[in-house]
Amino acid sequence: MAVDTVLGKAVDLARDAAVEAAGDAALVGEHLEAVSIEDRLVTHLFACTMPGYRGWVWSVSVARAPRAKTATVCEAHLVPADDALLAPAWVPWADRVRPGDLEPSMVLPLIPDDVRVVPGYESTGDEDEDQIANWELGLGRPRVLGPVGRADVADRWHRGSHGPSAASAIASPAPCSTCAFFIPLTGSMRMTFGACANEWSPSDGRVVSVDHGCGAHSETDIERTSSQWPEVDPVFENEVNVPFEIGVAEPEPEPEAPAEGEPEPEPAAEETGAAEPEPSAEAEPADASSPETAEPSEPEARESEKPEPEQA
């Protein structure tokens, strides 16, 4: 469709309307094109220079009355082009929430047609399923977990971090089914899942599968081996305070050495502790001047031992 001549020339009028809608003339770029919508109705497109709006354009529609020679602005607004950067499609909040997003102050919306639950007054009647203990209508929970919900829960728990595929279960020496701290669930999940009651286990207070496991099993043990560290001297500690003098001890005086040529003094009897022998009454002291009793000196004894020379 051919563009109306009067409306096609109203570029300045359309630009002024786009600047008024943008609030700043710097946000309106060059004129892109004029598109004929209907008779006497044309849309002028201007480039958008606003940051964050790549591919968007300013759209200004102008029109004129029959046989009128003046254009009039109908509307002006920002619209996306074919290659515009758009936000993702809006998704309701109830559909956007994921496991783990719930906070203490949040409340999830009610799902009336939830396939995971069934009305509380219904009873399965099967021995291997959860029996609903509502003996009178109106007592108990309005809805309980149904077959679909139980299957979904069992599959999610078995594939999770507390199932048989966990790293701790693979390295465990024994499964949870043989552990004293394993508390089985009631109902249809009794043979598959239970709760861990071991405070030393990383799964304490969580639902675990019967084929899960960890290193805190009640019946496992490790071989006791000697220490690889070298032996050290024992350290004795007591609670008795022993005084310790920090001062420097004075050295004891060394005994004086005797002069050369002087005999060493004999220790006194008092020092040695030996008693002096008492002189005998019968024994008489020898006279040092008597020649009979005096012993010859060492040179005289040697001369007497020499043989006499033979006479010719």
C-alpha atoms as a PDB file:
ATOM      1  CA  MET A   1       0.000   0.000   0.000  1.00  0.00           C
ATOM      2  CA  ALA A   2       1.336   3.389  -1.013  1.00  0.00           C
ATOM      3  CA  VAL A   3       2.170   5.789   1.740  1.00  0.00           C
ATOM      4  CA  ASP A   4      -0.080   8.826   2.016  1.00  0.00           C
ATOM      5  CA  THR A   5       1.805  11.856   0.725  1.00  0.00           C
ATOM      6  CA  VAL A   6       0.733  14.236   3.495  1.00  0.00           C
ATOM      7  CA  LEU A   7       1.390  11.712   6.249  1.00  0.00           C
ATOM      8  CA  GLY A   8       4.668  10.549   4.723  1.00  0.00           C
ATOM      9  CA  LYS A   9       6.066  14.074   4.899  1.00  0.00           C
ATOM     10  CA  ALA A  10       5.146  14.505   8.600  1.00  0.00           C
ATOM     11  CA  VAL A  11       8.550  13.253   9.803  1.00  0.00           C
ATOM     12  CA  ASP A  12       9.310  16.296  11.958  1.00  0.00           C
ATOM     13  CA  LEU A  13       5.901  16.070  13.615  1.00  0.00           C
ATOM     14  CA  ALA A  14       6.462  12.376  14.380  1.00  0.00           C
ATOM     15  CA  ARG A  15       9.988  13.035  15.741  1.00  0.00           C
ATOM     16  CA  ASP A  16       8.700  15.684  18.127  1.00  0.00           C
ATOM     17  CA  ALA A  17       6.151  13.177  19.426  1.00  0.00           C
ATOM     18  CA  ALA A  18       8.879  10.527  19.892  1.00  0.00           C
ATOM     19  CA  VAL A  19      11.113  12.990  21.789  1.00  0.00           C
ATOM     20  CA  GLU A  20       8.188  13.889  24.033  1.00  0.00           C
ATOM     21  CA  ALA A  21       7.556  10.202  24.781  1.00  0.00           C
ATOM     22  CA  ALA A  22      11.276   9.480  25.413  1.00  0.00           C
ATOM     23  CA  GLY A  23      11.821  12.559  27.570  1.00  0.00           C
ATOM     24  CA  ASP A  24      15.189  13.283  25.964  1.00  0.00           C
ATOM     25  CA  ALA A  25      16.070  14.102  22.366  1.00  0.00           C
ATOM     26  CA  ALA A  26      19.336  12.101  22.701  1.00  0.00           C
ATOM     27  CA  LEU A  27      17.320   8.880  23.071  1.00  0.00           C
ATOM     28  CA  VAL A  28      15.686   9.211  19.653  1.00  0.00           C
ATOM     29  CA  GLY A  29      17.859   8.242  16.700  1.00  0.00           C
ATOM     30  CA  GLU A  30      17.532   8.547  12.952  1.00  0.00           C
ATOM     31  CA  HIS A  31      14.321   8.027  11.013  1.00  0.00           C
ATOM     32  CA  LEU A  32      14.124   4.437   9.778  1.00  0.00           C
ATOM     33  CA  GLU A  33      10.998   4.153   7.670  1.00  0.00           C
ATOM     34  CA  ALA A  34       7.327   5.065   7.234  1.00  0.00           C
ATOM     35  CA  VAL A  35       4.841   2.195   7.054  1.00  0.00           C
ATOM     36  CA  SER A  36       1.291   2.591   5.730  1.00  0.00           C
ATOM     37  CA  ILE A  37      -1.195   0.821   8.008  1.00  0.00           C
ATOM     38  CA  GLU A  38      -4.528   1.856   6.452  1.00  0.00           C
ATOM     39  CA  ASP A  39      -5.886   4.708   4.344  1.00  0.00           C
ATOM     40  CA  ARG A  40      -4.770   7.977   5.856  1.00  0.00           C
ATOM     41  CA  LEU A  41      -2.865   6.145   8.687  1.00  0.00           C
ATOM     42  CA  VAL A  42       0.944   5.915   8.648  1.00  0.00           C
ATOM     43  CA  THR A  43       3.508   4.798  11.298  1.00  0.00           C
ATOM     44  CA  HIS A  44       6.938   6.429  11.470  1.00  0.00           C
ATOM     45  CA  LEU A  45       9.785   4.395  13.041  1.00  0.00           C
ATOM     46  CA  PHE A  46      12.843   5.990  14.729  1.00  0.00           C
ATOM     47  CA  ALA A  47      15.911   4.245  16.103  1.00  0.00           C
ATOM     48  CA  CYS A  48      16.188   3.951  19.896  1.00  0.00           C
ATOM     49  CA  THR A  49      19.535   4.912  21.451  1.00  0.00           C
ATOM     50  CA  MET A  50      18.481   4.100  25.016  1.00  0.00           C
ATOM     51  CA  PRO A  51      20.998   1.749  26.781  1.00  0.00           C
ATOM     52  CA  GLY A  52      19.670  -1.765  27.278  1.00  0.00           C
ATOM     53  CA  TYR A  53      17.110  -1.565  24.460  1.00  0.00           C
ATOM     54  CA  ARG A  54      19.034  -3.074  21.580  1.00  0.00           C
ATOM     55  CA  GLY A  55      16.753  -3.544  18.523  1.00  0.00           C
ATOM     56  CA  TRP A  56      13.873  -1.445  19.905  1.00  0.00           C
ATOM     57  CA  VAL A  57      12.360   1.453  17.917  1.00  0.00           C
ATOM     58  CA  TRP A  58      10.171   4.466  18.582  1.00  0.00           C
ATOM     59  CA  SER A  59       6.825   4.077  16.806  1.00  0.00           C
ATOM     60  CA  VAL A  60       4.730   7.169  16.070  1.00  0.00           C
ATOM     61  CA  SER A  61       1.376   6.825  14.273  1.00  0.00           C
ATOM     62  CA  VAL A  62      -0.053   9.834  12.382  1.00  0.00           C
ATOM     63  CA  ALA A  63      -3.391  10.218  10.574  1.00  0.00           C
ATOM     64  CA  ARG A  64      -5.537  12.841   8.758  1.00  0.00           C
ATOM     65  CA  ALA A  65      -9.179  13.356   8.068  1.00  0.00           C
ATOM     66  CA  PRO A  66     -10.582  12.986   4.498  1.00  0.00           C
ATOM     67  CA  ARG A  67      -9.599  15.910   2.256  1.00  0.00           C
ATOM     68  CA  ALA A  68      -7.524  17.360   5.186  1.00  0.00           C
ATOM     69  CA  LYS A  69      -4.036  18.606   4.460  1.00  0.00           C
ATOM     70  CA  THR A  70      -2.729  18.433   8.086  1.00  0.00           C
ATOM     71  CA  ALA A  71      -1.412  15.349   9.899  1.00  0.00           C
ATOM     72  CA  THR A  72      -2.337  14.553  13.501  1.00  0.00           C
ATOM     73  CA  VAL A  73      -0.389  12.359  15.966  1.00  0.00           C
ATOM     74  CA  CYS A  74      -2.383   9.364  17.184  1.00  0.00           C
ATOM     75  CA  GLU A  75       0.113   7.598  19.532  1.00  0.00           C
ATOM     76  CA  ALA A  76       3.855   7.329  20.239  1.00  0.00           C
ATOM     77  CA  HIS A  77       5.537   4.494  22.166  1.00  0.00           C
ATOM     78  CA  LEU A  78       8.575   2.192  22.245  1.00  0.00           C
ATOM     79  CA  VAL A  79       8.129  -1.178  20.519  1.00  0.00           C
ATOM     80  CA  PRO A  80      10.505  -4.131  19.863  1.00  0.00           C
ATOM     81  CA  ALA A  81      11.720  -4.844  16.340  1.00  0.00           C
ATOM     82  CA  ASP A  82      12.465  -8.246  14.866  1.00  0.00           C
ATOM     83  CA  ASP A  83      15.966  -8.492  16.413  1.00  0.00           C
ATOM     84  CA  ALA A  84      15.112  -6.793  19.713  1.00  0.00           C
ATOM     85  CA  LEU A  85      16.491  -8.021  23.016  1.00  0.00           C
ATOM     86  CA  LEU A  86      13.437  -9.277  24.912  1.00  0.00           C
ATOM     87  CA  ALA A  87      12.839 -10.548  28.428  1.00  0.00           C
ATOM     88  CA  PRO A  88      11.893 -14.224  28.825  1.00  0.00           C
ATOM     89  CA  ALA A  89       8.253 -15.153  28.757  1.00  0.00           C
ATOM     90  CA  TRP A  90       6.474 -14.465  32.026  1.00  0.00           C
ATOM     91  CA  VAL A  91       5.872 -17.554  34.136  1.00  0.00           C
ATOM     92  CA  PRO A  92       3.494 -17.540  37.130  1.00  0.00           C
ATOM     93  CA  TRP A  93       5.151 -17.608  40.536  1.00  0.00           C
ATOM     94  CA  ALA A  94       3.605 -20.968  41.387  1.00  0.00           C
ATOM     95  CA  ASP A  95       5.303 -22.457  38.314  1.00  0.00           C
ATOM     96  CA  ARG A  96       8.666 -20.753  38.864  1.00  0.00           C
ATOM     97  CA  VAL A  97       9.301 -21.970  42.411  1.00  0.00           C
ATOM     98  CA  ARG A  98      11.716 -24.899  42.709  1.00  0.00           C
ATOM     99  CA  PRO A  99      12.777 -27.194  45.578  1.00  0.00           C
ATOM    100  CA  GLY A 100      14.999 -25.251  47.947  1.00  0.00           C
ATOM    101  CA  ASP A 101      13.471 -21.834  47.116  1.00  0.00           C
ATOM    102  CA  LEU A 102      11.046 -21.868  50.056  1.00  0.00           C
ATOM    103  CA  GLU A 103      12.001 -19.599  52.946  1.00  0.00           C
ATOM    104  CA  PRO A 104      10.504 -19.465  56.464  1.00  0.00           C
ATOM    105  CA  SER A 105       8.366 -16.435  55.615  1.00  0.00           C
ATOM    106  CA  MET A 106       6.995 -17.910  52.352  1.00  0.00           C
ATOM    107  CA  VAL A 107       3.811 -19.934  51.844  1.00  0.00           C
ATOM    108  CA  LEU A 108       3.288 -22.112  48.794  1.00  0.00           C
ATOM    109  CA  PRO A 109      -0.023 -21.820  46.932  1.00  0.00           C
ATOM    110  CA  LEU A 110      -2.548 -24.628  47.134  1.00  0.00           C
ATOM    111  CA  ILE A 111      -2.591 -27.088  44.227  1.00  0.00           C
ATOM    112  CA  PRO A 112      -6.185 -28.356  44.078  1.00  0.00           C
ATOM    113  CA  ASP A 113      -5.587 -31.080  41.480  1.00  0.00           C
ATOM    114  CA  ASP A 114      -2.241 -32.376  42.783  1.00  0.00           C
ATOM    115  CA  VAL A 115      -1.805 -35.911  41.423  1.00  0.00           C
ATOM    116  CA  ARG A 116       0.530 -36.831  44.262  1.00  0.00           C
ATOM    117  CA  VAL A 117      -2.172 -36.772  46.952  1.00  0.00           C
ATOM    118  CA  VAL A 118      -5.626 -38.289  47.393  1.00  0.00           C
ATOM    119  CA  PRO A 119      -8.514 -37.386  49.724  1.00  0.00           C
ATOM    120  CA  GLY A 120      -7.978 -38.504  53.293  1.00  0.00           C
ATOM    121  CA  TYR A 121     -11.201 -40.498  53.549  1.00  0.00           C
ATOM    122  CA  GLU A 122     -10.102 -42.909  50.818  1.00  0.00           C
ATOM    123  CA  SER A 123      -8.470 -46.178  51.924  1.00  0.00           C
ATOM    124  CA  THR A 124      -6.417 -48.375  49.658  1.00  0.00           C
ATOM    125  CA  GLY A 125      -7.395 -51.638  51.325  1.00  0.00           C
ATOM    126  CA  ASP A 126      -4.063 -53.254  50.347  1.00  0.00           C
ATOM    127  CA  GLU A 127      -1.838 -54.659  53.052  1.00  0.00           C
ATOM    128  CA  ASP A 128       1.330 -53.478  51.371  1.00  0.00           C
ATOM    129  CA  GLU A 129       0.123 -49.874  51.013  1.00  0.00           C
ATOM    130  CA  ASP A 130      -0.324 -47.144  53.605  1.00  0.00           C
ATOM    131  CA  GLN A 131      -3.554 -47.675  55.489  1.00  0.00           C
ATOM    132  CA  ILE A 132      -5.424 -44.434  56.162  1.00  0.00           C
ATOM    133  CA  ALA A 133      -6.490 -44.481  59.813  1.00  0.00           C
ATOM    134  CA  ASN A 134      -9.564 -42.283  59.376  1.00  0.00           C
ATOM    135  CA  TRP A 135     -12.196 -44.321  61.134  1.00  0.00           C
ATOM    136  CA  GLU A 136     -14.734 -41.505  60.849  1.00  0.00           C
ATOM    137  CA  LEU A 137     -15.288 -39.024  58.046  1.00  0.00           C
ATOM    138  CA  GLY A 138     -13.878 -35.587  58.831  1.00  0.00           C
ATOM    139  CA  LEU A 139     -11.203 -36.730  61.270  1.00  0.00           C
ATOM    140  CA  GLY A 140      -7.559 -36.666  60.286  1.00  0.00           C
ATOM    141  CA  ARG A 141      -5.810 -35.069  57.335  1.00  0.00           C
ATOM    142  CA  PRO A 142      -7.851 -33.769  54.407  1.00  0.00           C
ATOM    143  CA  ARG A 143      -5.454 -35.315  51.870  1.00  0.00           C
ATOM    144  CA  VAL A 144      -2.747 -37.975  52.112  1.00  0.00           C
ATOM    145  CA  LEU A 145       0.020 -39.225  49.862  1.00  0.00           C
ATOM    146  CA  GLY A 146      -1.318 -41.345  47.021  1.00  0.00           C
ATOM    147  CA  PRO A 147       0.303 -44.081  44.916  1.00  0.00           C
ATOM    148  CA  VAL A 148       1.720 -41.577  42.422  1.00  0.00           C
ATOM    149  CA  GLY A 149       3.195 -39.473  45.203  1.00  0.00           C
ATOM    150  CA  ARG A 150       4.747 -42.478  46.940  1.00  0.00           C
ATOM    151  CA  ALA A 151       6.380 -43.674  43.726  1.00  0.00           C
ATOM    152  CA  ASP A 152       7.723 -40.186  43.025  1.00  0.00           C
ATOM    153  CA  VAL A 153       9.158 -39.853  46.533  1.00  0.00           C
ATOM    154  CA  ALA A 154      10.745 -43.317  46.480  1.00  0.00           C
ATOM    155  CA  ASP A 155      12.419 -42.654  43.129  1.00  0.00           C
ATOM    156  CA  ARG A 156      13.726 -39.235  44.206  1.00  0.00           C
ATOM    157  CA  TRP A 157      15.094 -40.496  47.541  1.00  0.00           C
ATOM    158  CA  HIS A 158      16.691 -43.560  45.989  1.00  0.00           C
ATOM    159  CA  ARG A 159      18.500 -41.444  43.354  1.00  0.00           C
ATOM    160  CA  GLY A 160      19.503 -38.743  45.848  1.00  0.00           C
ATOM    161  CA  SER A 161      22.542 -38.227  48.046  1.00  0.00           C
ATOM    162  CA  HIS A 162      21.250 -40.716  50.641  1.00  0.00           C
ATOM    163  CA  GLY A 163      20.720 -43.607  48.242  1.00  0.00           C
ATOM    164  CA  PRO A 164      22.976 -46.441  47.127  1.00  0.00           C
ATOM    165  CA  SER A 165      24.777 -44.333  44.511  1.00  0.00           C
ATOM    166  CA  ALA A 166      26.270 -41.884  47.042  1.00  0.00           C
ATOM    167  CA  ALA A 167      30.044 -41.882  47.519  1.00  0.00           C
ATOM    168  CA  SER A 168      29.738 -42.792  51.204  1.00  0.00           C
ATOM    169  CA  ALA A 169      27.502 -45.752  50.348  1.00  0.00           C
ATOM    170  CA  ILE A 170      29.959 -47.093  47.782  1.00  0.00           C
ATOM    171  CA  ALA A 171      32.864 -46.873  50.249  1.00  0.00           C
ATOM    172  CA  SER A 172      30.857 -48.189  53.203  1.00  0.00           C
ATOM    173  CA  PRO A 173      31.757 -51.668  54.503  1.00  0.00           C
ATOM    174  CA  ALA A 174      28.125 -52.507  55.376  1.00  0.00           C
ATOM    175  CA  PRO A 175      24.638 -51.195  54.399  1.00  0.00           C
ATOM    176  CA  CYS A 176      22.284 -49.216  56.634  1.00  0.00           C
ATOM    177  CA  SER A 177      19.867 -52.155  56.892  1.00  0.00           C
ATOM    178  CA  THR A 178      22.309 -53.913  59.272  1.00  0.00           C
ATOM    179  CA  CYS A 179      23.086 -50.837  61.391  1.00  0.00           C
ATOM    180  CA  ALA A 180      21.680 -50.510  64.914  1.00  0.00           C
ATOM    181  CA  PHE A 181      20.978 -46.810  64.340  1.00  0.00           C
ATOM    182  CA  PHE A 182      18.677 -47.474  61.346  1.00  0.00           C
ATOM    183  CA  ILE A 183      14.990 -46.813  62.165  1.00  0.00           C
ATOM    184  CA  PRO A 184      12.689 -48.215  59.421  1.00  0.00           C
ATOM    185  CA  LEU A 185       9.767 -46.161  58.179  1.00  0.00           C
ATOM    186  CA  THR A 186       6.227 -47.404  58.592  1.00  0.00           C
ATOM    187  CA  GLY A 187       3.841 -48.352  55.828  1.00  0.00           C
ATOM    188  CA  SER A 188       4.731 -49.327  52.301  1.00  0.00           C
ATOM    189  CA  MET A 189       8.243 -47.770  52.497  1.00  0.00           C
ATOM    190  CA  ARG A 190       9.355 -49.816  55.504  1.00  0.00           C
ATOM    191  CA  MET A 191      11.363 -52.283  53.405  1.00  0.00           C
ATOM    192  CA  THR A 192      13.087 -49.545  51.395  1.00  0.00           C
ATOM    193  CA  PHE A 193      13.758 -46.510  53.588  1.00  0.00           C
ATOM    194  CA  GLY A 194      14.407 -45.515  57.167  1.00  0.00           C
ATOM    195  CA  ALA A 195      15.804 -42.712  59.318  1.00  0.00           C
ATOM    196  CA  CYS A 196      19.401 -42.468  60.546  1.00  0.00           C
ATOM    197  CA  ALA A 197      19.751 -41.918  64.311  1.00  0.00           C
ATOM    198  CA  ASN A 198      23.567 -41.886  64.613  1.00  0.00           C
ATOM    199  CA  GLU A 199      24.906 -38.500  65.682  1.00  0.00           C
ATOM    200  CA  TRP A 200      28.342 -39.346  64.242  1.00  0.00           C
ATOM    201  CA  SER A 201      26.924 -40.031  60.785  1.00  0.00           C
ATOM    202  CA  PRO A 202      26.594 -37.314  58.096  1.00  0.00           C
ATOM    203  CA  SER A 203      23.061 -38.657  57.478  1.00  0.00           C
ATOM    204  CA  ASP A 204      21.875 -38.140  61.067  1.00  0.00           C
ATOM    205  CA  GLY A 205      18.184 -37.171  61.117  1.00  0.00           C
ATOM    206  CA  ARG A 206      17.708 -37.877  57.385  1.00  0.00           C
ATOM    207  CA  VAL A 207      15.859 -40.518  55.421  1.00  0.00           C
ATOM    208  CA  VAL A 208      18.264 -43.091  53.968  1.00  0.00           C
ATOM    209  CA  SER A 209      17.734 -46.158  51.829  1.00  0.00           C
ATOM    210  CA  VAL A 210      18.379 -49.644  53.201  1.00  0.00           C
ATOM    211  CA  ASP A 211      21.320 -50.031  50.807  1.00  0.00           C
ATOM    212  CA  HIS A 212      22.896 -46.713  51.798  1.00  0.00           C
ATOM    213  CA  GLY A 213      25.905 -46.662  54.122  1.00  0.00           C
ATOM    214  CA  CYS A 214      28.626 -44.624  55.786  1.00  0.00           C
ATOM    215  CA  GLY A 215      31.690 -45.067  57.975  1.00  0.00           C
ATOM    216  CA  ALA A 216      29.684 -44.693  61.218  1.00  0.00           C
ATOM    217  CA  HIS A 217      28.113 -48.167  60.989  1.00  0.00           C
ATOM    218  CA  SER A 218      27.496 -49.690  64.423  1.00  0.00           C
ATOM    219  CA  GLU A 219      29.079 -53.078  63.593  1.00  0.00           C
ATOM    220  CA  THR A 220      32.238 -52.093  61.731  1.00  0.00           C
ATOM    221  CA  ASP A 221      35.741 -51.649  63.093  1.00  0.00           C
ATOM    222  CA  ILE A 222      39.261 -51.000  61.868  1.00  0.00           C
ATOM    223  CA  GLU A 223      42.442 -52.945  62.557  1.00  0.00           C
ATOM    224  CA  ARG A 224      44.498 -51.497  65.364  1.00  0.00           C
ATOM    225  CA  THR A 225      48.052 -50.843  64.211  1.00  0.00           C
ATOM    226  CA  SER A 226      51.116 -49.440  65.933  1.00  0.00           C
ATOM    227  CA  SER A 227      51.902 -45.804  65.554  1.00  0.00           C
ATOM    228  CA  GLN A 228      54.139 -44.742  62.664  1.00  0.00           C
ATOM    229  CA  TRP A 229      55.602 -41.866  64.669  1.00  0.00           C
ATOM    230  CA  PRO A 230      59.046 -42.326  66.293  1.00  0.00           C
ATOM    231  CA  GLU A 231      59.121 -42.914  70.020  1.00  0.00           C
ATOM    232  CA  VAL A 232      60.092 -39.967  72.173  1.00  0.00           C
ATOM    233  CA  ASP A 233      61.193 -39.651  75.781  1.00  0.00           C
ATOM    234  CA  PRO A 234      58.250 -39.618  78.187  1.00  0.00           C
ATOM    235  CA  VAL A 235      57.241 -36.350  79.749  1.00  0.00           C
ATOM    236  CA  PHE A 236      56.257 -36.397  83.416  1.00  0.00           C
ATOM    237  CA  GLU A 237      53.958 -33.733  84.737  1.00  0.00           C
ATOM    238  CA  ASN A 238      52.841 -33.096  88.288  1.00  0.00           C
ATOM    239  CA  GLU A 239      51.125 -30.359  90.167  1.00  0.00           C
ATOM    240  CA  VAL A 240      53.977 -29.742  92.645  1.00  0.00           C
ATOM    241  CA  ASN A 241      55.645 -26.348  92.349  1.00  0.00           C
ATOM    242  CA  VAL A 242      59.431 -26.697  92.525  1.00  0.00           C
ATOM    243  CA  PRO A 243      61.354 -23.467  93.278  1.00  0.00           C
ATOM    244  CA  PHE A 244      64.122 -22.736  90.865  1.00  0.00           C
ATOM    245  CA  GLU A 245      66.823 -20.113  91.380  1.00  0.00           C
ATOM    246  CA  ILE A 246      67.649 -18.219  88.256  1.00  0.00           C
ATOM    247  CA  GLY A 247      70.834 -16.608  89.723  1.00  0.00           C
ATOM    248  CA  VAL A 248      74.328 -17.659  88.496  1.00  0.00           C
ATOM    249  CA  ALA A 249      76.111 -20.072  90.894  1.00  0.00           C
ATOM    250  CA  GLU A 250      79.566 -18.986  92.116  1.00  0.00           C
ATOM    251  CA  PRO A 251      82.404 -21.384  91.174  1.00  0.00           C
ATOM    252  CA  GLU A 252      84.189 -23.203  94.008  1.00  0.00           C
ATOM    253  CA  PRO A 253      87.878 -22.211  94.606  1.00  0.00           C
ATOM    254  CA  GLU A 254      90.378 -24.640  93.161  1.00  0.00           C
ATOM    255  CA  PRO A 255      93.056 -26.082  95.522  1.00  0.00           C
ATOM    256  CA  GLU A 256      96.536 -24.599  95.173  1.00  0.00           C
ATOM    257  CA  ALA A 257      99.048 -26.863  93.465  1.00  0.00           C
ATOM    258  CA  PRO A 258     102.295 -27.558  95.496  1.00  0.00           C
ATOM    259  CA  ALA A 259     105.559 -25.997  94.371  1.00  0.00           C
ATOM    260  CA  GLU A 260     108.028 -28.029  92.341  1.00  0.00           C
ATOM    261  CA  GLY A 261     110.411 -30.140  94.449  1.00  0.00           C
ATOM    262  CA  GLU A 262     108.227 -30.037  97.539  1.00  0.00           C
ATOM    263  CA  PRO A 263     106.533 -33.267  98.579  1.00  0.00           C
ATOM    264  CA  GLU A 264     102.778 -33.243  98.664  1.00  0.00           C
ATOM    265  CA  PRO A 265     101.494 -32.911 102.201  1.00  0.00           C
ATOM    266  CA  GLU A 266     100.021 -36.063 103.597  1.00  0.00           C
ATOM    267  CA  PRO A 267      96.470 -35.807 104.757  1.00  0.00           C
ATOM    268  CA  ALA A 268      96.037 -35.367 108.455  1.00  0.00           C
ATOM    269  CA  ALA A 269      94.630 -38.127 110.549  1.00  0.00           C
ATOM    270  CA  GLU A 270      91.585 -36.068 111.309  1.00  0.00           C
ATOM    271  CA  GLU A 271      90.827 -35.694 107.584  1.00  0.00           C
ATOM    272  CA  THR A 272      91.377 -39.328 106.709  1.00  0.00           C
ATOM    273  CA  GLY A 273      89.615 -40.562 109.811  1.00  0.00           C
ATOM    274  CA  ALA A 274      92.372 -43.151 110.603  1.00  0.00           C
ATOM    275  CA  ALA A 275      93.478 -43.396 114.230  1.00  0.00           C
ATOM    276  CA  GLU A 276      97.178 -43.073 115.083  1.00  0.00           C
ATOM    277  CA  PRO A 277      98.691 -46.350 116.389  1.00  0.00           C
ATOM    278  CA  GLU A 278      99.665 -46.267 120.035  1.00  0.00           C
ATOM    279  CA  PRO A 279     103.335 -47.075 120.770  1.00  0.00           C
ATOM    280  CA  SER A 280     103.969 -50.471 122.377  1.00  0.00           C
ATOM    281  CA  ALA A 281     105.493 -50.567 125.824  1.00  0.00           C
ATOM    282  CA  GLU A 282     107.819 -53.484 125.006  1.00  0.00           C
ATOM    283  CA  ALA A 283     109.111 -52.043 121.727  1.00  0.00           C
ATOM    284  CA  GLU A 284     112.029 -49.680 122.031  1.00  0.00           C
ATOM    285  CA  PRO A 285     112.673 -46.954 119.560  1.00  0.00           C
ATOM    286  CA  ALA A 286     115.545 -47.612 117.263  1.00  0.00           C
ATOM    287  CA  ASP A 287     118.575 -45.383 117.536  1.00  0.00           C
ATOM    288  CA  ALA A 288     119.194 -43.679 114.273  1.00  0.00           C
ATOM    289  CA  SER A 289     122.907 -43.179 115.193  1.00  0.00           C
ATOM    290  CA  SER A 290     123.643 -46.869 115.850  1.00  0.00           C
ATOM    291  CA  PRO A 291     125.663 -48.395 113.010  1.00  0.00           C
ATOM    292  CA  GLU A 292     124.142 -51.825 113.597  1.00  0.00           C
ATOM    293  CA  THR A 293     120.670 -50.781 113.073  1.00  0.00           C
ATOM    294  CA  ALA A 294     121.240 -48.080 110.472  1.00  0.00           C
ATOM    295  CA  GLU A 295     120.552 -49.159 106.950  1.00  0.00           C
ATOM    296  CA  PRO A 296     123.197 -48.382 104.295  1.00  0.00           C
ATOM    297  CA  SER A 297     122.459 -45.676 101.879  1.00  0.00           C
ATOM    298  CA  GLU A 298     121.705 -46.481  98.288  1.00  0.00           C
ATOM    299  CA  PRO A 299     125.188 -45.543  96.864  1.00  0.00           C
ATOM    300  CA  GLU A 300     126.987 -47.576  99.533  1.00  0.00           C
ATOM    301  CA  ALA A 301     124.796 -50.567  98.838  1.00  0.00           C
ATOM    302  CA  ARG A 302     125.646 -50.434  95.142  1.00  0.00           C
ATOM    303  CA  GLU A 303     129.457 -50.237  95.848  1.00  0.00           C
ATOM    304  CA  SER A 304     129.297 -53.229  98.149  1.00  0.00           C
ATOM    305  CA  GLU A 305     127.592 -55.248  95.468  1.00  0.00           C
ATOM    306  CA  LYS A 306     130.515 -54.675  92.984  1.00  0.00           C
ATOM    307  CA  PRO A 307     132.912 -57.691  92.716  1.00  0.00           C
ATOM    308  CA  GLU A 308     136.489 -57.202  93.920  1.00  0.00           C
ATOM    309  CA  PRO A 309     139.255 -57.180  91.246  1.00  0.00           C
ATOM    310  CA  GLU A 310     141.490 -60.283  91.118  1.00  0.00           C
ATOM    311  CA  GLN A 311     145.126 -59.849  92.164  1.00  0.00           C
ATOM    312  CA  ALA A 312     147.894 -60.745  89.717  1.00  0.00           C
END
